[in-house]
Amino acid sequence: MVYLTRLEHFNAAHKLYNPGWTREKNEEVFGKCANENWHGHNYDLYVTIKGNPDPDTGFLFDVKKLSEIIKDQVIEKVDHKNLNLEVDFLANKMCSTENLAIGIWQQLVPHLPKEIELHCIKLYETPRIYVEYFG
């Protein structure tokens, strides 16, 4: 089994705010992340696939094709967007990094060939905070 990881980058704004709570409760739980004027992150997205290399090419999967899939299915939808307002796969969800990683997984799986398995989404919100999702 071989694991192959592609790194992509995007910038996006969001806020963590539960509309069922008071402003005070949101600020207590989410702190600055509940800012009414939003805040942004420079995200690093690591997409890891796994499988066996093709005997003819030696490749697990063409990394250019993998990059195109990630860009078409994820980056174009989230880069320089407001995650709360503009990203369809996050509609009616709390826009946490955890939910974003799950949503990215769900966006990619249907577009990968059957012989390739998505292994992990690793999403860095900051250099010191990241989420890993294994489906």
Protein backbone atom coordinates (compact mmCIF):
# COMPACT_ATOMS: atom_id res chain seq x y z
CA MET A 1 0.00 0.00 0.00
CA VAL A 2 1.35 3.41 -1.03
CA TYR A 3 0.21 6.74 0.37
CA LEU A 4 0.39 9.89 -1.76
CA THR A 5 -0.28 13.38 -0.44
CA ARG A 6 -1.05 16.55 -2.36
CA LEU A 7 -0.81 19.94 -0.61
CA GLU A 8 -3.10 22.79 -1.65
CA HIS A 9 -3.70 26.19 -0.08
CA PHE A 10 -6.69 28.50 0.22
CA ASN A 11 -7.84 31.55 2.14
CA ALA A 12 -11.32 31.89 3.58
CA ALA A 13 -13.34 33.81 6.15
CA HIS A 14 -15.83 32.46 8.66
CA LYS A 15 -17.25 32.94 12.09
CA LEU A 16 -18.28 30.49 14.74
CA TYR A 17 -21.70 31.51 15.92
CA ASN A 18 -24.65 29.42 17.02
CA PRO A 19 -27.82 31.37 16.14
CA GLY A 20 -29.72 29.49 18.84
CA TRP A 21 -27.55 31.08 21.52
CA THR A 22 -27.30 34.60 22.86
CA ARG A 23 -24.48 36.85 21.78
CA GLU A 24 -22.99 36.49 25.25
CA LYS A 25 -23.08 32.68 25.11
CA ASN A 26 -21.44 32.70 21.65
CA GLU A 27 -18.68 35.00 22.88
CA GLU A 28 -18.20 32.83 25.98
CA VAL A 29 -17.83 29.63 23.92
CA PHE A 30 -16.17 30.88 20.73
CA GLY A 31 -14.35 34.02 21.92
CA LYS A 32 -12.91 36.12 19.09
CA CYS A 33 -14.08 33.52 16.56
CA ALA A 34 -17.65 34.74 17.14
CA ASN A 35 -16.74 38.21 15.84
CA GLU A 36 -19.74 39.64 13.97
CA ASN A 37 -17.37 40.98 11.31
CA TRP A 38 -15.88 37.54 10.59
CA HIS A 39 -12.23 36.52 10.61
CA GLY A 40 -10.02 34.68 8.15
CA HIS A 41 -7.48 31.90 7.87
CA ASN A 42 -4.79 30.85 5.44
CA TYR A 43 -5.60 27.14 5.23
CA ASP A 44 -3.23 24.39 4.15
CA LEU A 45 -5.01 21.31 2.85
CA TYR A 46 -3.27 17.94 2.68
CA VAL A 47 -5.16 15.30 0.71
CA THR A 48 -3.77 11.77 1.11
CA ILE A 49 -4.84 8.90 -1.11
CA LYS A 50 -3.77 5.28 -0.91
CA GLY A 51 -3.57 2.26 -3.15
CA ASN A 52 -1.13 0.26 -5.23
CA PRO A 53 1.02 1.77 -7.98
CA ASP A 54 0.05 1.04 -11.57
CA PRO A 55 2.57 -1.49 -12.94
CA ASP A 56 2.81 0.40 -16.27
CA THR A 57 3.41 3.91 -14.88
CA GLY A 58 4.66 3.31 -11.36
CA PHE A 59 2.13 5.93 -10.22
CA LEU A 60 -0.51 5.46 -7.57
CA PHE A 61 -2.40 8.24 -9.40
CA ASP A 62 -1.40 11.11 -11.65
CA VAL A 63 -0.73 13.98 -9.24
CA LYS A 64 -1.74 16.55 -11.87
CA LYS A 65 -5.16 14.90 -12.09
CA LEU A 66 -5.39 14.76 -8.29
CA SER A 67 -4.59 18.47 -8.12
CA GLU A 68 -7.26 19.22 -10.75
CA ILE A 69 -9.88 17.26 -8.79
CA ILE A 70 -9.00 19.08 -5.56
CA LYS A 71 -9.05 22.46 -7.26
CA ASP A 72 -12.34 21.81 -9.11
CA GLN A 73 -14.21 20.19 -6.23
CA VAL A 74 -12.82 22.13 -3.25
CA ILE A 75 -10.49 25.07 -3.84
CA GLU A 76 -12.72 26.83 -6.38
CA LYS A 77 -15.60 26.56 -3.90
CA VAL A 78 -13.79 27.84 -0.79
CA ASP A 79 -10.88 30.07 -1.81
CA HIS A 80 -11.48 33.72 -0.90
CA LYS A 81 -15.03 32.87 0.18
CA ASN A 82 -17.08 33.36 3.30
CA LEU A 83 -17.53 29.77 4.48
CA ASN A 84 -20.73 30.59 6.35
CA LEU A 85 -22.45 32.31 3.42
CA GLU A 86 -20.94 31.13 0.14
CA VAL A 87 -20.03 27.43 0.46
CA ASP A 88 -22.92 25.11 -0.39
CA PHE A 89 -21.49 22.03 1.30
CA LEU A 90 -21.33 23.90 4.62
CA ALA A 91 -24.89 25.23 4.49
CA ASN A 92 -26.71 24.86 7.82
CA LYS A 93 -23.54 23.61 9.55
CA MET A 94 -21.27 25.20 12.08
CA CYS A 95 -18.25 26.36 10.05
CA SER A 96 -15.62 24.75 12.25
CA THR A 97 -12.41 23.35 10.82
CA GLU A 98 -13.69 19.91 11.79
CA ASN A 99 -16.85 20.29 9.69
CA LEU A 100 -14.86 21.82 6.86
CA ALA A 101 -12.55 18.77 6.76
CA ILE A 102 -15.55 16.42 6.67
CA GLY A 103 -17.15 18.49 3.91
CA ILE A 104 -13.95 18.42 1.85
CA TRP A 105 -13.84 14.63 2.18
CA GLN A 106 -17.42 14.39 0.95
CA GLN A 107 -16.63 16.66 -2.01
CA LEU A 108 -13.66 14.55 -3.12
CA VAL A 109 -14.76 10.93 -2.68
CA PRO A 110 -17.23 10.80 -5.61
CA HIS A 111 -14.59 12.17 -8.00
CA LEU A 112 -11.76 9.74 -7.31
CA PRO A 113 -11.33 6.62 -9.45
CA LYS A 114 -12.53 3.36 -7.91
CA GLU A 115 -9.00 1.99 -7.60
CA ILE A 116 -7.95 4.93 -5.40
CA GLU A 117 -9.00 5.28 -1.77
CA LEU A 118 -9.09 8.60 0.05
CA HIS A 119 -7.07 8.04 3.22
CA CYS A 120 -6.96 11.36 5.04
CA ILE A 121 -7.84 15.02 4.93
CA LYS A 122 -5.46 17.09 7.03
CA LEU A 123 -6.51 20.71 7.25
CA TYR A 124 -4.33 23.33 8.93
CA GLU A 125 -6.27 26.34 10.19
CA THR A 126 -3.10 27.89 11.63
CA PRO A 127 0.47 26.62 11.82
CA ARG A 128 -0.37 25.19 15.27
CA ILE A 129 -3.95 23.96 14.78
CA TYR A 130 -5.04 21.27 12.36
CA VAL A 131 -7.72 18.64 11.95
CA GLU A 132 -7.30 15.16 10.50
CA TYR A 133 -10.29 13.27 9.11
CA PHE A 134 -10.17 9.64 7.99
CA GLY A 135 -13.74 9.22 6.78
